[in-house]
Protein backbone atom coordinates (compact mmCIF):
# COMPACT_ATOMS: atom_id res chain seq x y z
CA MET A 1 -0.07 0.23 -0.08
CA ALA A 2 1.15 3.22 -0.82
CA ARG A 3 -0.25 7.10 -0.44
CA VAL A 4 0.02 8.88 -4.30
CA VAL A 5 1.21 12.49 -4.20
CA LEU A 6 0.82 14.67 -7.45
CA ASN A 7 2.69 18.32 -7.02
CA GLY A 8 1.87 20.42 -10.08
CA ILE A 9 1.66 17.52 -12.72
CA THR A 10 1.47 18.91 -16.10
CA LYS A 11 1.24 17.33 -19.53
CA THR A 12 1.61 19.32 -22.91
CA PHE A 13 1.68 17.40 -26.21
CA GLN A 14 3.25 19.34 -28.99
CA ASN A 15 1.36 22.57 -28.46
CA GLN A 16 -1.50 21.42 -26.15
CA THR A 17 -1.74 21.49 -22.82
CA VAL A 18 -4.22 18.10 -21.53
CA VAL A 19 -3.07 18.22 -17.94
CA LYS A 20 -2.71 21.62 -16.38
CA GLY A 21 -0.69 21.78 -12.81
CA ILE A 22 -3.07 19.77 -11.27
CA ASP A 23 -2.11 18.96 -7.19
CA LEU A 24 -3.60 15.27 -5.44
CA VAL A 25 -3.10 13.25 -2.96
CA VAL A 26 -4.14 9.71 -2.95
CA PRO A 27 -4.68 8.45 0.43
CA ASP A 28 -2.87 5.08 1.26
CA GLY A 29 -5.40 2.24 1.65
CA SER A 30 -8.20 4.64 -0.54
CA PHE A 31 -10.58 3.83 -3.81
CA THR A 32 -10.03 6.72 -5.87
CA VAL A 33 -11.72 7.86 -8.69
CA LEU A 34 -10.96 10.24 -11.28
CA VAL A 35 -14.35 11.09 -13.62
CA GLY A 36 -14.85 13.57 -16.05
CA PRO A 37 -16.02 13.62 -19.51
CA SER A 38 -14.08 12.11 -22.22
CA GLY A 39 -10.40 13.89 -23.21
CA CYS A 40 -10.32 16.25 -19.57
CA GLY A 41 -6.90 14.55 -18.75
CA LYS A 42 -8.09 11.61 -16.48
CA SER A 43 -6.31 8.68 -18.39
CA THR A 44 -3.49 10.79 -18.93
CA THR A 45 -2.83 11.62 -15.65
CA LEU A 46 -3.11 7.63 -14.82
CA ARG A 47 -0.44 7.24 -17.15
CA MET A 48 1.62 9.58 -15.85
CA ILE A 49 1.78 7.61 -12.39
CA ALA A 50 2.37 4.29 -13.95
CA GLY A 51 5.17 5.80 -15.82
CA LEU A 52 3.50 5.09 -19.52
CA GLU A 53 3.88 8.93 -20.10
CA GLN A 54 6.18 11.63 -19.05
CA ALA A 55 5.10 14.35 -16.96
CA THR A 56 6.21 17.46 -19.18
CA ASP A 57 6.42 19.72 -15.47
CA GLY A 58 5.72 18.92 -11.61
CA GLU A 59 6.50 15.81 -9.31
CA ILE A 60 5.14 12.36 -8.63
CA GLN A 61 5.79 10.57 -5.43
CA ILE A 62 4.39 7.24 -4.50
CA GLY A 63 4.93 6.20 -1.01
CA ASP A 64 7.97 7.98 0.10
CA GLN A 65 9.72 8.24 -3.46
CA ILE A 66 10.05 10.41 -6.25
CA VAL A 67 8.93 8.88 -9.01
CA ASN A 68 9.65 10.99 -12.29
CA ASP A 69 12.83 9.49 -13.61
CA VAL A 70 11.67 5.49 -12.18
CA PRO A 71 11.19 3.52 -14.78
CA PRO A 72 7.37 1.84 -15.19
CA GLY A 73 8.67 -1.70 -13.75
CA LYS A 74 10.09 0.09 -11.26
CA ARG A 75 7.34 1.85 -9.63
CA ASP A 76 5.36 -1.04 -8.05
CA VAL A 77 2.33 -0.26 -9.64
CA ALA A 78 -0.16 -2.70 -11.78
CA MET A 79 -2.38 -1.50 -14.61
CA VAL A 80 -5.32 -2.65 -15.88
CA PHE A 81 -6.82 -1.47 -19.00
CA GLN A 82 -9.78 -1.49 -21.29
CA ASN A 83 -8.74 -3.80 -23.81
CA TYR A 84 -7.43 -6.97 -20.89
CA ALA A 85 -4.42 -6.94 -23.15
CA LEU A 86 -4.25 -10.99 -22.16
CA TYR A 87 -2.18 -13.29 -24.25
CA PRO A 88 -4.58 -15.21 -26.36
CA THR A 89 -2.08 -18.63 -27.08
CA MET A 90 -1.54 -18.76 -23.08
CA ASN A 91 -4.13 -20.43 -20.75
CA VAL A 92 -5.59 -18.47 -17.62
CA TYR A 93 -2.84 -19.84 -15.16
CA ASP A 94 0.25 -18.67 -17.67
CA ASN A 95 -1.77 -15.34 -18.31
CA ILE A 96 -2.02 -15.03 -14.64
CA ALA A 97 2.03 -16.07 -14.08
CA TYR A 98 3.51 -14.36 -16.69
CA GLY A 99 4.99 -10.91 -14.57
CA LEU A 100 6.11 -13.20 -12.48
CA ARG A 101 8.17 -15.61 -14.47
CA ASN A 102 10.02 -12.65 -16.08
CA ARG A 103 10.70 -11.24 -12.24
CA GLY A 104 12.59 -14.54 -11.44
CA VAL A 105 10.11 -16.19 -9.33
CA SER A 106 10.44 -19.83 -8.66
CA LYS A 107 8.10 -22.25 -10.14
CA LYS A 108 7.23 -23.55 -6.73
CA GLU A 109 6.32 -20.00 -5.44
CA CYS A 110 4.61 -19.05 -8.91
CA LYS A 111 2.39 -22.06 -8.39
CA VAL A 112 1.21 -20.75 -5.01
CA LEU A 113 0.71 -16.98 -5.96
CA VAL A 114 -1.32 -17.67 -8.88
CA GLU A 115 -3.59 -20.02 -6.96
CA GLU A 116 -3.91 -17.79 -4.13
CA ILE A 117 -4.87 -15.12 -6.47
CA ALA A 118 -7.65 -17.11 -8.81
CA GLU A 119 -8.99 -18.49 -5.77
CA VAL A 120 -9.51 -14.92 -4.34
CA VAL A 121 -10.87 -13.39 -8.18
CA GLY A 122 -12.98 -16.83 -8.63
CA LEU A 123 -11.05 -18.51 -11.40
CA THR A 124 -9.60 -21.50 -9.64
CA PRO A 125 -11.97 -23.78 -12.08
CA TYR A 126 -10.87 -21.81 -15.32
CA LEU A 127 -7.24 -22.32 -15.23
CA ALA A 128 -6.61 -24.32 -18.20
CA ARG A 129 -8.74 -22.14 -20.06
CA LYS A 130 -7.73 -19.60 -23.22
CA PRO A 131 -9.21 -16.47 -23.14
CA ALA A 132 -11.16 -17.74 -26.13
CA GLN A 133 -12.98 -19.56 -23.76
CA LEU A 134 -13.83 -17.08 -21.38
CA SER A 135 -16.86 -14.69 -20.97
CA GLY A 136 -16.23 -11.01 -20.84
CA GLY A 137 -16.55 -10.98 -16.85
CA GLN A 138 -13.94 -13.50 -16.61
CA ARG A 139 -11.31 -12.17 -18.80
CA GLN A 140 -11.48 -8.72 -17.03
CA ARG A 141 -10.86 -11.01 -13.73
CA VAL A 142 -7.88 -13.13 -15.60
CA ALA A 143 -6.36 -9.15 -16.13
CA LEU A 144 -7.26 -7.88 -12.56
CA ALA A 145 -5.59 -11.79 -11.02
CA ARG A 146 -2.54 -10.62 -13.48
CA ALA A 147 -2.30 -7.40 -11.93
CA MET A 148 -2.71 -8.51 -8.51
CA VAL A 149 -0.41 -11.61 -8.34
CA LYS A 150 2.26 -9.10 -7.81
CA LYS A 151 1.56 -7.46 -4.94
CA PRO A 152 1.87 -3.76 -6.27
CA LYS A 153 1.42 -0.65 -3.87
CA VAL A 154 -1.03 0.83 -5.73
CA PHE A 155 -3.01 -0.99 -8.83
CA LEU A 156 -4.19 1.83 -11.79
CA MET A 157 -7.04 1.02 -13.72
CA ASP A 158 -8.07 2.60 -17.08
CA GLU A 159 -11.86 1.81 -17.64
CA PRO A 160 -11.61 -1.43 -17.23
CA LEU A 161 -15.39 -2.27 -17.46
CA SER A 162 -16.24 0.04 -20.30
CA ASN A 163 -16.21 -2.96 -22.79
CA LEU A 164 -18.85 -4.76 -20.64
CA ASP A 165 -22.52 -4.99 -20.77
CA ALA A 166 -24.92 -3.36 -18.49
CA LYS A 167 -25.76 -6.30 -16.67
CA LEU A 168 -21.99 -7.35 -15.94
CA ARG A 169 -20.39 -3.97 -15.52
CA ASN A 170 -22.75 -3.50 -12.36
CA GLN A 171 -22.06 -6.99 -11.25
CA MET A 172 -18.12 -6.55 -11.83
CA ARG A 173 -18.41 -3.05 -9.93
CA VAL A 174 -19.63 -4.54 -6.13
CA GLU A 175 -16.47 -7.53 -7.02
CA LEU A 176 -14.40 -4.79 -7.84
CA THR A 177 -15.16 -3.00 -4.48
CA SER A 178 -15.15 -6.04 -2.66
CA LEU A 179 -11.58 -7.07 -3.77
CA HIS A 180 -10.46 -3.22 -2.67
CA LYS A 181 -11.87 -4.06 0.84
CA GLN A 182 -10.00 -7.41 0.71
CA LEU A 183 -6.52 -6.24 -0.53
CA GLY A 184 -6.67 -2.99 1.34
CA SER A 185 -4.25 -1.53 -1.22
CA THR A 186 -4.91 1.74 -3.20
CA PHE A 187 -6.64 1.42 -6.06
CA ILE A 188 -6.98 4.87 -8.27
CA TYR A 189 -9.69 4.03 -11.23
CA VAL A 190 -10.67 5.89 -14.16
CA THR A 191 -13.94 6.70 -15.48
CA HIS A 192 -16.48 8.52 -17.55
CA ASP A 193 -19.12 7.19 -15.89
CA GLN A 194 -20.18 9.47 -12.72
CA VAL A 195 -23.21 6.57 -11.88
CA GLU A 196 -20.02 4.20 -11.84
CA ALA A 197 -17.95 6.90 -9.50
CA MET A 198 -20.35 7.61 -7.33
CA THR A 199 -20.83 3.88 -6.32
CA MET A 200 -17.15 2.44 -6.03
CA GLY A 201 -15.04 5.65 -5.09
CA ASP A 202 -14.44 6.62 -1.59
CA GLN A 203 -12.13 9.70 -2.91
CA ILE A 204 -14.10 11.01 -6.07
CA VAL A 205 -11.63 13.49 -8.77
CA VAL A 206 -14.01 15.41 -11.09
CA MET A 207 -11.82 16.30 -14.18
CA SER A 208 -12.43 18.97 -16.72
CA GLU A 209 -9.82 20.12 -19.86
CA GLY A 210 -7.19 19.09 -17.75
CA ASN A 211 -8.28 20.70 -14.38
CA ILE A 212 -9.24 19.03 -11.33
CA MET A 213 -12.55 20.52 -10.66
CA GLN A 214 -13.14 19.21 -7.33
CA VAL A 215 -12.19 16.32 -4.51
CA ALA A 216 -13.94 14.86 -2.11
CA ALA A 217 -16.52 11.79 -1.07
CA PRO A 218 -19.18 10.65 -2.98
CA MET A 219 -22.05 12.27 -1.41
CA ASP A 220 -20.01 15.24 -0.20
CA LEU A 221 -19.65 15.87 -4.28
CA TYR A 222 -23.85 15.39 -4.67
CA GLN A 223 -24.94 17.54 -1.87
CA GLU A 224 -21.90 20.54 -1.88
CA PRO A 225 -20.46 20.77 -5.29
CA GLU A 226 -17.92 23.37 -5.80
CA ASN A 227 -18.99 24.72 -9.19
CA LEU A 228 -21.32 24.60 -11.59
CA PHE A 229 -19.49 22.02 -13.46
CA VAL A 230 -19.61 19.42 -10.56
CA ALA A 231 -23.58 20.32 -9.72
CA GLN A 232 -24.42 18.95 -13.48
CA PHE A 233 -22.30 16.56 -14.00
CA ILE A 234 -22.43 14.10 -10.52
CA GLY A 235 -26.07 13.11 -10.28
CA SER A 236 -28.56 11.28 -12.74
CA PRO A 237 -30.56 13.09 -14.11
CA ALA A 238 -28.68 15.84 -13.75
CA MET A 239 -29.32 19.11 -11.73
CA ASN A 240 -31.32 21.28 -13.48
CA ILE A 241 -30.29 25.44 -13.92
CA ILE A 242 -32.71 28.21 -14.28
CA PRO A 243 -31.90 32.05 -14.66
CA ALA A 244 -32.18 33.23 -11.21
CA GLU A 245 -34.89 35.80 -10.42
CA GLY A 246 -33.87 39.26 -9.75
CA ASP A 247 -29.88 38.84 -10.43
CA ILE A 248 -29.03 38.22 -13.71
CA GLN A 249 -25.55 37.55 -12.37
CA THR A 250 -26.46 34.23 -10.68
CA LEU A 251 -28.06 31.22 -11.52
CA TRP A 252 -30.37 29.02 -9.51
CA GLY A 253 -30.03 24.82 -9.82
CA PHE A 254 -31.87 22.23 -8.00
CA ARG A 255 -31.84 18.50 -8.34
CA PRO A 256 -35.21 16.98 -10.05
CA GLU A 257 -35.82 14.56 -7.10
CA LYS A 258 -36.14 17.45 -4.70
CA ALA A 259 -38.99 19.37 -6.84
CA MET A 260 -42.25 18.39 -7.01
CA LEU A 261 -45.62 18.37 -8.99
CA LEU A 262 -48.29 20.93 -8.04
CA PRO A 263 -51.44 21.78 -9.62
CA GLY A 264 -51.97 24.49 -11.69
CA THR A 265 -55.35 25.75 -9.86
CA GLY A 266 -54.51 28.41 -7.71
CA ALA A 267 -51.46 29.66 -8.83
CA ASP A 268 -51.64 32.66 -7.56
CA VAL A 269 -51.48 31.36 -4.02
CA PRO A 270 -48.00 31.65 -2.68
CA LEU A 271 -46.85 28.41 -1.13
CA GLU A 272 -43.91 29.09 2.21
CA ASN A 273 -40.43 28.63 1.63
CA MET A 274 -40.81 27.52 -1.47
CA ILE A 275 -40.36 28.94 -5.46
CA THR A 276 -42.68 28.11 -7.74
CA LEU A 277 -42.10 27.45 -11.97
CA ARG A 278 -45.55 27.61 -13.97
CA GLY A 279 -45.07 24.91 -16.64
CA LYS A 280 -46.27 22.12 -18.86
CA ILE A 281 -45.60 18.23 -19.00
CA ILE A 282 -43.84 17.75 -22.76
CA SER A 283 -43.16 14.27 -22.15
CA ARG A 284 -42.90 11.24 -19.34
CA GLU A 285 -40.17 8.77 -18.86
CA ILE A 286 -41.16 5.24 -16.67
CA LEU A 287 -38.19 4.32 -14.98
CA GLY A 288 -39.85 1.36 -12.77
CA ALA A 289 -40.29 3.12 -9.25
CA ASP A 290 -39.61 6.27 -10.24
CA SER A 291 -40.70 8.34 -13.09
CA LEU A 292 -39.06 11.37 -14.75
CA TYR A 293 -41.59 14.34 -16.17
CA TYR A 294 -40.21 16.81 -18.76
CA VAL A 295 -41.64 20.15 -17.96
CA ASP A 296 -41.40 23.82 -19.81
CA THR A 297 -41.53 26.34 -17.85
CA GLU A 298 -40.89 29.89 -18.85
CA LYS A 299 -37.11 29.93 -17.25
CA GLY A 300 -36.78 26.48 -19.82
CA ARG A 301 -37.10 22.85 -19.21
CA VAL A 302 -36.57 21.47 -16.33
CA VAL A 303 -36.89 17.54 -15.36
CA VAL A 304 -38.69 16.30 -12.25
CA LYS A 305 -38.15 12.97 -10.57
CA VAL A 306 -41.36 11.73 -8.67
CA ASP A 307 -42.65 8.15 -7.51
CA THR A 308 -44.61 6.93 -10.52
CA ASP A 309 -47.40 6.04 -7.98
CA GLN A 310 -47.86 10.23 -8.63
CA ALA A 311 -50.06 10.33 -11.99
CA VAL A 312 -50.22 13.43 -13.79
CA ASP A 313 -52.05 13.91 -16.71
CA ILE A 314 -49.75 14.52 -20.39
CA PRO A 315 -50.03 17.58 -20.98
CA ALA A 316 -51.35 19.35 -17.93
CA ASP A 317 -50.72 23.17 -16.73
CA LEU A 318 -48.87 22.84 -13.51
CA ARG A 319 -46.49 24.29 -11.28
CA VAL A 320 -42.73 22.76 -10.54
CA GLY A 321 -42.41 23.60 -6.78
CA VAL A 322 -38.80 24.00 -5.09
CA PRO A 323 -38.01 24.55 -1.58
CA VAL A 324 -35.72 27.33 -0.76
CA ALA A 325 -33.79 25.20 1.43
CA HIS A 326 -32.95 22.88 -2.09
CA LEU A 327 -31.72 25.71 -4.05
CA TYR A 328 -28.25 26.29 -4.52
CA VAL A 329 -26.64 29.70 -6.18
CA PHE A 330 -24.03 29.62 -9.02
CA ASP A 331 -22.19 32.62 -10.53
CA ARG A 332 -23.11 33.26 -14.31
CA ASP A 333 -19.56 33.84 -15.44
CA THR A 334 -17.51 31.76 -13.32
CA GLY A 335 -19.45 28.90 -12.77
CA LYS A 336 -18.81 29.09 -9.19
CA ARG A 337 -21.23 28.33 -6.08
CA LEU A 338 -21.30 31.77 -4.45
CA LEU A 339 -23.35 30.57 -1.24
CA ARG A 340 -24.69 27.35 0.49
CA LYS A 341 -28.36 26.76 -0.05
CA GLU A 342 -29.21 27.56 3.66
CA GLY A 343 -29.04 31.02 4.40
CA TYR A 344 -29.11 32.85 0.97
CA ALA A 345 -31.46 35.95 0.47
CA PHE A 346 -34.47 33.94 -0.59
CA SER A 347 -36.83 35.13 1.78
CA SER A 348 -38.32 37.88 0.03
CA LEU A 349 -38.98 35.16 -2.78
CA ALA A 350 -39.74 32.30 -0.71
CA GLY A 351 -43.01 31.60 -1.40
CA GLY A 352 -43.56 33.97 -4.31
CA MET A 353 -44.06 33.16 -8.05
CA VAL A 354 -41.43 32.87 -10.26
């Protein structure tokens, strides 16, 4: 196990800077997830930690060692790739053992280590099979086992579940978090999927355009986003953003599940501690227990998430109600969150129509 520290890490390809002087501490034994849209620099950051890319500037520390000039094979990390990178002519046993043999591990010790790891990841019955005889999930377990058998200080994973179908991805998420708890090792995991990040990580690093936008635990990111990007990237469906009433410099945000659908009748009657938006339902998506309503309002289209049992006629004139306590305030120009949602000067608007 080891802590990983990035100090002012920058990466430039030709004239394009893709990682822009980031600072990050990955705690020892954590499951840290780098998440963001394609091209945000998360995979490049992971590859710099692995030594597969050289940092243009800054310092990378793994444990007590500065590793900028240390070759990848000497950094005591193991990387799992999106495409598994298995040897098709070798069976599962030999794929797992390959790295150990290259390091000169004895045949006897190699057998013990491979069988131990195969048991951990549930591959014991498949050790004699070739990769082509395995399912996608089993091949991914082989790739994990090959990394784990070396017992590195840090596991690096670059979108390892992206080639799996939805059901298998869900299963492998559970297996990976379980493995992390078993091993107690430091995991650094890259994904573009915020649901994957929220369900797996204990520390999430949100990136955009080569910058770190926020580092926090999953629920802290969700409940206390520091900026507009994080507020809209984390959460499904995304946070609704509307122009603030009476202030052209700010935007208001609210989560779809914190809003409610109210009858259109009595629309001029104010509701205490709530802002309301007149609107009309244009569509509904039934997700099972929950439904998403898409509502056109005078401040733009918003999404409201409610229990499917709360049937609303379509089309229907109504109001979208949002408790003041659940409103977020952002600077329109910088995207920075200005104030905590509690205590903002909504008092003159609470109960008022928007």
